[in-house]
N, C-alpha and C. Protein backbone atom coordinates (compact mmCIF):
# COMPACT_ATOMS: atom_id res chain seq x y z
N UNK A 1 27.56 83.46 131.37
CA UNK A 1 26.28 82.90 132.21
C UNK A 1 26.57 82.24 133.17
N UNK A 2 25.94 82.03 134.25
CA UNK A 2 26.02 81.31 135.50
C UNK A 2 26.02 79.69 135.28
N UNK A 3 27.27 79.40 136.11
CA UNK A 3 27.37 77.99 136.03
C UNK A 3 26.09 77.20 136.37
N UNK A 4 25.59 77.54 137.43
CA UNK A 4 24.08 76.74 137.71
C UNK A 4 23.02 76.89 136.75
N UNK A 5 22.82 78.12 135.93
CA UNK A 5 21.86 78.11 135.10
C UNK A 5 22.45 77.19 133.61
N UNK A 6 23.68 77.01 133.47
CA UNK A 6 24.03 76.31 132.38
C UNK A 6 23.84 74.85 132.71
N UNK A 7 23.98 74.41 134.02
CA UNK A 7 23.46 72.93 134.27
C UNK A 7 21.98 72.98 134.37
N UNK A 8 21.30 73.73 134.54
CA UNK A 8 19.81 73.47 134.54
C UNK A 8 19.38 73.61 133.04
N UNK A 9 19.93 74.54 132.17
CA UNK A 9 19.96 74.27 130.92
C UNK A 9 20.23 73.06 130.27
N UNK A 10 21.29 72.49 130.35
CA UNK A 10 21.92 71.22 130.02
C UNK A 10 20.56 70.05 130.49
N UNK A 11 20.49 70.14 131.96
CA UNK A 11 19.61 69.14 132.05
C UNK A 11 18.30 68.94 131.40
N UNK A 12 17.80 70.22 131.24
CA UNK A 12 16.50 70.75 130.54
C UNK A 12 16.31 70.07 128.79
N UNK A 13 17.76 70.32 128.43
CA UNK A 13 17.62 70.06 126.93
C UNK A 13 17.74 68.42 127.16
N UNK A 14 18.48 67.60 127.87
CA UNK A 14 18.57 66.07 127.82
C UNK A 14 16.87 65.73 128.07
N UNK A 15 16.33 66.03 129.47
CA UNK A 15 14.96 65.78 129.31
C UNK A 15 14.33 65.91 128.21
N UNK A 16 14.28 67.00 127.35
CA UNK A 16 13.46 67.36 126.05
C UNK A 16 13.86 66.35 125.18
N UNK A 17 15.02 65.98 125.08
CA UNK A 17 15.37 64.86 123.93
C UNK A 17 14.68 63.47 124.20
N UNK A 18 14.71 63.33 125.64
CA UNK A 18 14.08 61.92 126.08
C UNK A 18 12.40 62.16 126.12
N UNK A 19 11.79 63.38 126.08
CA UNK A 19 10.56 63.30 126.10
C UNK A 19 10.14 63.49 124.42
N UNK A 20 10.65 64.03 123.61
CA UNK A 20 10.66 64.39 122.00
C UNK A 20 10.76 62.87 121.44
N UNK A 21 11.82 61.95 121.89
CA UNK A 21 12.03 60.81 121.19
C UNK A 21 10.49 60.10 121.73
N UNK A 22 10.13 59.83 122.83
CA UNK A 22 8.98 59.12 122.91
C UNK A 22 7.96 59.75 121.91
N UNK A 23 7.54 61.03 121.71
CA UNK A 23 6.62 61.65 120.97
C UNK A 23 7.05 61.37 119.72
N UNK A 24 8.02 61.27 119.00
CA UNK A 24 8.15 61.12 117.51
C UNK A 24 8.08 59.71 117.33
N UNK A 25 8.43 58.60 118.44
CA UNK A 25 8.41 57.38 118.29
C UNK A 25 6.86 56.84 117.89
N UNK A 26 6.18 57.59 118.97
CA UNK A 26 4.80 57.39 119.27
C UNK A 26 3.93 57.94 117.44
N UNK A 27 4.38 59.05 117.31
CA UNK A 27 3.82 59.56 115.95
C UNK A 27 4.17 58.75 114.88
N UNK A 28 5.14 57.81 114.90
CA UNK A 28 5.57 57.30 113.77
C UNK A 28 6.65 57.89 112.89
N UNK A 29 7.27 59.16 113.45
CA UNK A 29 8.05 59.96 112.68
C UNK A 29 9.57 59.54 112.99
N UNK A 30 9.79 58.39 112.14
CA UNK A 30 11.43 58.05 112.17
C UNK A 30 12.42 59.05 112.14
N UNK A 31 11.93 59.97 110.98
CA UNK A 31 12.87 61.24 110.61
C UNK A 31 13.31 61.86 111.63
N UNK A 32 12.22 62.31 112.26
CA UNK A 32 12.45 63.45 113.40
C UNK A 32 13.01 62.78 114.65
N UNK A 33 12.75 61.67 114.73
CA UNK A 33 13.19 60.63 116.08
C UNK A 33 14.97 60.50 115.62
N UNK A 34 15.37 60.47 114.53
CA UNK A 34 16.75 60.10 114.44
C UNK A 34 17.73 61.19 114.44
N UNK A 35 17.12 62.49 114.52
CA UNK A 35 17.48 63.68 114.44
C UNK A 35 17.89 63.97 115.91
N UNK A 36 17.70 63.18 116.69
CA UNK A 36 17.73 63.43 118.10
C UNK A 36 18.85 62.55 118.55
N UNK A 37 19.34 61.83 117.72
CA UNK A 37 20.49 60.87 118.01
C UNK A 37 21.70 61.47 117.02
N UNK A 38 22.98 61.55 118.04
CA UNK A 38 23.98 61.61 116.97
C UNK A 38 24.19 60.90 115.81
N UNK A 39 25.20 61.40 114.81
CA UNK A 39 25.27 60.87 113.52
C UNK A 39 25.44 59.25 113.79
N UNK A 40 26.39 58.84 114.70
CA UNK A 40 26.89 57.46 115.15
C UNK A 40 26.55 57.29 116.53
N UNK A 41 25.24 57.75 116.58
CA UNK A 41 24.30 57.41 117.91
C UNK A 41 23.97 55.86 117.76
N UNK A 42 23.89 55.15 119.16
CA UNK A 42 22.88 53.57 118.90
C UNK A 42 21.94 53.60 119.82
N UNK A 43 21.41 52.63 119.37
CA UNK A 43 20.12 52.63 120.25
C UNK A 43 19.94 50.97 120.34
N UNK A 44 20.16 50.68 121.53
CA UNK A 44 19.83 49.07 121.92
C UNK A 44 18.26 48.85 122.09
N UNK A 45 17.67 47.94 121.50
CA UNK A 45 16.30 47.65 121.68
C UNK A 45 16.15 46.70 122.88
N UNK A 46 14.84 46.68 123.37
CA UNK A 46 14.70 45.61 124.36
C UNK A 46 15.04 44.18 124.25
N UNK A 47 15.02 43.70 122.89
CA UNK A 47 15.71 42.18 122.88
C UNK A 47 16.94 42.12 122.65
N UNK A 48 17.88 43.60 122.52
CA UNK A 48 19.03 43.20 122.65
C UNK A 48 19.84 43.82 121.37
N UNK A 49 19.00 43.77 120.35
CA UNK A 49 19.32 44.38 119.00
C UNK A 49 20.13 45.67 118.93
N UNK A 50 21.26 46.00 118.53
CA UNK A 50 22.16 47.45 118.58
C UNK A 50 21.91 47.89 117.35
N UNK A 51 21.29 49.18 117.20
CA UNK A 51 21.04 49.65 115.97
C UNK A 51 22.07 50.99 116.04
N UNK A 52 22.93 50.88 114.97
CA UNK A 52 24.04 51.93 114.92
C UNK A 52 24.09 52.94 113.80
N UNK A 53 23.76 54.24 114.15
CA UNK A 53 23.68 55.38 113.36
C UNK A 53 22.20 55.68 112.95
N UNK A 54 22.11 56.88 112.48
CA UNK A 54 20.92 57.29 112.51
C UNK A 54 20.03 56.51 111.31
N UNK A 55 20.71 56.32 110.28
CA UNK A 55 20.40 55.28 109.16
C UNK A 55 19.58 54.06 109.25
N UNK A 56 20.38 53.48 110.28
CA UNK A 56 20.07 52.24 110.66
C UNK A 56 18.92 52.42 111.94
N UNK A 57 18.75 53.02 112.62
CA UNK A 57 17.41 53.55 113.59
C UNK A 57 16.26 53.83 112.99
N UNK A 58 16.56 54.59 111.58
CA UNK A 58 15.63 55.35 110.91
C UNK A 58 14.78 53.95 110.03
N UNK A 59 15.60 52.92 109.67
CA UNK A 59 15.24 52.16 108.85
C UNK A 59 14.48 51.21 110.02
N UNK A 60 15.01 50.78 111.11
CA UNK A 60 14.08 50.00 111.94
C UNK A 60 12.56 50.41 112.45
N UNK A 61 12.48 51.88 112.64
CA UNK A 61 11.24 52.51 112.95
C UNK A 61 10.64 52.50 111.97
N UNK A 62 11.04 52.60 110.70
CA UNK A 62 10.25 52.72 109.48
C UNK A 62 9.57 51.60 108.98
N UNK A 63 10.08 50.26 109.62
CA UNK A 63 9.55 49.28 109.54
C UNK A 63 8.33 48.85 110.46
N UNK A 64 7.84 49.88 111.34
CA UNK A 64 6.82 50.00 112.38
C UNK A 64 5.39 49.16 111.64
N UNK A 65 4.71 48.30 112.26
CA UNK A 65 3.55 47.70 111.41
C UNK A 65 2.72 48.75 111.39
N UNK A 66 2.17 48.85 110.12
CA UNK A 66 1.05 50.05 109.77
C UNK A 66 -0.12 49.73 110.63
N UNK A 67 -0.84 50.72 111.24
CA UNK A 67 -1.94 50.78 111.79
C UNK A 67 -1.33 50.67 113.53
N UNK A 68 -0.12 50.38 113.95
CA UNK A 68 0.24 50.06 115.44
C UNK A 68 0.39 51.55 115.90
N UNK A 69 -0.52 51.70 117.04
CA UNK A 69 -0.34 53.04 117.85
C UNK A 69 -0.11 52.70 119.13
N UNK A 70 1.13 53.54 119.53
CA UNK A 70 1.79 53.42 120.77
C UNK A 70 1.56 54.83 121.52
N UNK A 71 1.95 54.68 122.72
CA UNK A 71 2.07 55.87 123.79
C UNK A 71 3.23 55.15 124.95
N UNK A 72 4.27 56.11 124.77
CA UNK A 72 5.55 55.75 125.67
C UNK A 72 4.95 56.79 126.90
N UNK A 73 4.62 56.23 127.95
CA UNK A 73 4.50 57.08 129.00
C UNK A 73 5.63 57.28 129.85
N UNK A 74 6.28 58.49 129.57
CA UNK A 74 7.80 58.58 130.23
C UNK A 74 7.85 59.25 131.62
N UNK A 75 8.37 58.81 132.57
CA UNK A 75 8.37 59.55 133.78
C UNK A 75 9.57 59.17 134.70
N UNK A 76 9.76 59.77 135.72
CA UNK A 76 10.92 59.92 136.52
C UNK A 76 12.32 59.90 136.29
N UNK A 77 12.27 60.51 135.06
CA UNK A 77 13.63 60.90 134.47
C UNK A 77 14.68 61.58 135.32
N UNK A 78 15.63 60.85 135.77
CA UNK A 78 16.94 61.51 136.40
C UNK A 78 18.01 62.00 135.37
N UNK A 79 18.42 63.10 135.34
CA UNK A 79 19.32 63.44 134.45
C UNK A 79 20.66 63.80 135.21
N UNK A 80 21.76 63.10 135.07
CA UNK A 80 23.13 63.14 135.72
C UNK A 80 23.90 64.10 134.67
N UNK A 81 24.36 64.97 135.21
CA UNK A 81 25.48 65.78 134.10
C UNK A 81 27.13 64.97 134.86
N UNK A 82 27.92 64.85 133.67
CA UNK A 82 29.11 64.08 133.78
C UNK A 82 30.22 65.27 133.66
N UNK A 83 29.80 66.32 133.03
CA UNK A 83 30.73 67.58 132.40
C UNK A 83 30.11 68.50 131.66
N UNK A 84 31.03 69.38 131.09
CA UNK A 84 29.96 70.36 130.56
C UNK A 84 29.29 69.82 128.88
N UNK A 85 29.81 68.68 128.50
CA UNK A 85 29.50 68.16 127.25
C UNK A 85 28.85 66.61 127.23
N UNK A 86 28.63 66.53 128.46
CA UNK A 86 28.20 64.64 128.57
C UNK A 86 27.39 64.82 129.81
N UNK A 87 26.57 63.90 129.43
CA UNK A 87 25.13 63.62 130.51
C UNK A 87 24.67 62.23 130.22
N UNK A 88 23.89 61.87 131.43
CA UNK A 88 23.36 60.58 131.31
C UNK A 88 22.08 60.57 132.10
N UNK A 89 20.96 59.42 131.61
CA UNK A 89 19.70 59.90 132.39
C UNK A 89 19.12 58.20 132.52
N UNK A 90 18.19 58.15 133.24
CA UNK A 90 17.49 56.88 133.54
C UNK A 90 15.92 57.29 133.44
N UNK A 91 15.27 56.96 132.75
CA UNK A 91 13.70 57.05 133.01
C UNK A 91 12.88 55.58 132.90
N UNK A 92 11.79 55.64 133.41
CA UNK A 92 10.94 54.77 133.56
C UNK A 92 9.91 54.89 132.33
N UNK A 93 9.47 53.81 131.83
CA UNK A 93 8.36 53.86 130.72
C UNK A 93 7.21 52.95 130.81
N UNK A 94 6.17 53.51 130.70
CA UNK A 94 5.04 52.52 130.44
C UNK A 94 4.37 52.56 129.00
N UNK A 95 4.42 51.39 128.25
CA UNK A 95 4.23 51.42 127.15
C UNK A 95 2.81 50.83 126.94
N UNK A 96 1.85 51.50 126.09
CA UNK A 96 0.57 50.98 125.89
C UNK A 96 0.33 50.91 124.30
N UNK A 97 0.05 50.10 123.77
CA UNK A 97 -0.32 49.93 122.28
C UNK A 97 -1.85 49.63 121.90
N UNK A 98 -2.23 49.97 120.66
CA UNK A 98 -3.45 49.72 120.15
C UNK A 98 -3.50 49.50 118.81
N UNK A 99 -4.44 49.29 118.18
CA UNK A 99 -4.63 49.04 116.50
C UNK A 99 -5.41 50.39 116.14
N UNK A 100 -4.79 51.05 115.30
CA UNK A 100 -5.53 52.14 114.68
C UNK A 100 -7.08 51.62 114.02
N UNK A 101 -7.10 50.68 113.52
CA UNK A 101 -8.27 50.00 113.04
C UNK A 101 -9.52 49.80 113.79
N UNK A 102 -8.95 49.47 115.05
CA UNK A 102 -10.01 49.25 116.11
C UNK A 102 -11.12 50.47 116.12
N UNK A 103 -12.09 50.36 116.53
CA UNK A 103 -13.31 51.32 116.42
C UNK A 103 -13.18 52.49 117.92
N UNK A 104 -13.11 53.54 117.45
CA UNK A 104 -12.88 54.56 118.59
C UNK A 104 -14.64 54.64 119.18
N UNK A 105 -14.18 54.44 120.56
CA UNK A 105 -15.24 54.85 121.30
C UNK A 105 -14.94 56.02 122.12
N UNK A 106 -16.18 56.47 123.01
CA UNK A 106 -15.91 57.77 123.52
C UNK A 106 -14.74 57.89 124.55
N UNK A 107 -14.21 56.43 124.73
CA UNK A 107 -13.00 56.45 125.99
C UNK A 107 -11.87 56.15 124.94
N UNK A 108 -11.76 56.30 123.70
CA UNK A 108 -10.72 55.88 122.84
C UNK A 108 -10.94 54.54 122.30
N UNK A 109 -9.52 54.06 121.62
CA UNK A 109 -9.58 52.91 121.32
C UNK A 109 -8.94 51.85 122.51
N UNK A 110 -9.44 50.55 122.34
CA UNK A 110 -9.21 49.58 123.30
C UNK A 110 -7.82 49.06 123.06
N UNK A 111 -7.36 49.13 124.19
CA UNK A 111 -5.54 48.96 124.56
C UNK A 111 -5.40 47.62 124.17
N UNK A 112 -4.25 47.11 123.93
CA UNK A 112 -3.70 45.95 124.01
C UNK A 112 -3.90 45.02 125.00
N UNK A 113 -3.91 43.98 125.84
CA UNK A 113 -4.10 43.62 126.92
C UNK A 113 -2.75 43.23 127.56
N UNK A 114 -1.56 43.74 126.93
CA UNK A 114 -0.17 43.77 127.42
C UNK A 114 0.30 45.06 127.98
N UNK A 115 0.49 45.57 129.30
CA UNK A 115 0.95 46.64 129.66
C UNK A 115 2.39 46.12 129.92
N UNK A 116 3.58 47.04 129.36
CA UNK A 116 5.05 47.06 129.53
C UNK A 116 5.42 47.99 130.22
N UNK A 117 6.38 47.73 131.41
CA UNK A 117 6.94 48.65 132.26
C UNK A 117 8.47 48.55 131.66
N UNK A 118 9.17 49.54 131.36
CA UNK A 118 10.45 49.35 131.06
C UNK A 118 11.28 50.71 131.37
N UNK A 119 12.71 50.61 130.98
CA UNK A 119 13.63 51.62 131.26
C UNK A 119 14.14 52.44 130.00
N UNK A 120 14.52 53.30 130.00
CA UNK A 120 15.56 54.06 129.09
C UNK A 120 16.93 54.48 129.86
N UNK A 121 17.68 53.80 129.60
CA UNK A 121 19.58 54.61 129.63
C UNK A 121 19.87 55.16 128.93
N UNK A 122 20.03 56.52 129.02
CA UNK A 122 20.28 57.31 127.84
C UNK A 122 21.87 57.75 128.21
N UNK A 123 22.83 58.24 127.14
CA UNK A 123 23.71 58.89 127.35
C UNK A 123 23.95 59.94 126.15
N UNK A 124 23.99 61.34 126.67
CA UNK A 124 24.04 62.32 126.04
C UNK A 124 25.38 63.05 125.68
N UNK A 125 25.62 63.72 124.34
CA UNK A 125 26.68 64.48 124.20
C UNK A 125 26.38 65.72 123.45
N UNK A 126 27.13 66.58 123.69
CA UNK A 126 26.88 67.76 122.70
C UNK A 126 27.52 67.68 121.41
N UNK A 127 27.06 68.24 120.19
CA UNK A 127 27.48 68.15 119.11
C UNK A 127 28.37 69.48 118.72
N UNK A 128 29.10 69.29 117.87
CA UNK A 128 30.21 70.52 117.49
C UNK A 128 29.38 72.07 117.42
N UNK A 129 28.14 71.94 117.21
CA UNK A 129 27.59 73.25 117.40
C UNK A 129 27.12 73.41 118.41
N UNK A 130 27.34 72.40 119.42
CA UNK A 130 26.65 72.82 121.04
C UNK A 130 25.44 72.48 121.35
N UNK A 131 24.75 71.54 120.32
CA UNK A 131 23.48 71.09 120.57
C UNK A 131 23.63 69.49 121.46
N UNK A 132 22.59 69.17 122.35
CA UNK A 132 22.65 68.23 123.00
C UNK A 132 22.16 67.05 122.23
N UNK A 133 22.53 65.90 122.03
CA UNK A 133 22.06 64.78 121.29
C UNK A 133 22.01 63.52 122.08
N UNK A 134 21.11 62.38 121.89
CA UNK A 134 21.66 61.15 122.20
C UNK A 134 22.59 60.64 121.57
N UNK A 135 23.54 59.99 122.32
CA UNK A 135 24.80 59.20 121.60
C UNK A 135 24.38 57.72 122.00
N UNK A 136 23.98 57.51 122.92
CA UNK A 136 23.28 55.88 123.25
C UNK A 136 22.12 55.87 124.13
N UNK A 137 21.07 54.88 123.62
CA UNK A 137 19.84 54.54 124.38
C UNK A 137 20.05 52.89 124.37
N UNK A 138 19.88 52.61 125.57
CA UNK A 138 19.62 51.54 126.15
C UNK A 138 18.19 51.09 126.48
N UNK A 139 17.20 50.52 125.92
CA UNK A 139 15.90 50.08 126.27
C UNK A 139 15.86 48.95 126.53
N UNK A 140 15.02 48.57 127.97
CA UNK A 140 14.54 47.45 128.49
C UNK A 140 13.27 47.31 128.98
N UNK A 141 12.89 46.14 129.07
CA UNK A 141 11.36 45.93 129.43
C UNK A 141 11.90 45.27 131.09
N UNK A 142 11.13 45.70 132.33
CA UNK A 142 11.45 45.27 133.37
C UNK A 142 10.35 44.42 133.90
N UNK A 143 9.02 44.70 133.27
CA UNK A 143 7.99 43.81 134.00
C UNK A 143 7.03 44.21 133.01
N UNK A 144 5.78 43.22 132.94
CA UNK A 144 4.45 43.19 132.14
C UNK A 144 3.35 42.64 132.94
N UNK A 145 2.31 43.09 132.38
CA UNK A 145 1.07 42.66 132.91
C UNK A 145 0.18 42.50 131.86
N UNK A 146 -0.62 41.17 131.95
CA UNK A 146 -1.46 40.89 130.87
C UNK A 146 -2.96 41.26 131.50
N UNK A 147 -3.78 42.27 130.77
CA UNK A 147 -5.00 42.47 131.45
C UNK A 147 -5.73 41.29 131.63
N UNK A 148 -6.83 41.31 132.36
CA UNK A 148 -8.03 40.26 132.60
C UNK A 148 -8.60 40.29 131.15
N UNK A 149 -9.29 38.84 131.23
CA UNK A 149 -9.85 38.65 129.88
C UNK A 149 -8.86 38.39 128.66
N UNK A 150 -7.50 37.92 128.69
CA UNK A 150 -6.42 37.88 127.88
C UNK A 150 -5.94 36.28 127.73
């Protein structure tokens, strides 16, 4: 295959991992989320806690409070290839959340008053089978805003 096409496919595969991770986290699907990580992958949460391996990541995401609904709006993802089997990316994230018990209106459920802006710094590698996986994610919050009336 053409070298440039290989690079485009690699970038797209990494971007797909970033977006799928957000979708699975929002859906509360910890098992699908951890399949995007290498077996020994690491996830550093915004508070600094480092989760090592799929089992630890799944356990942490399985403890999500019942009824918590989130939407990670991921944007401005820049994927950089470091070689044929290694890449990194930085994404900006806007996190909204609400309680599923809140009444649904024609506009949806009322969001929690705190909006959080963060970043994902991801490192990717290829599995022995050639699939791209997240090997390390560092998640951090960089700013927030409390909506009026809080």
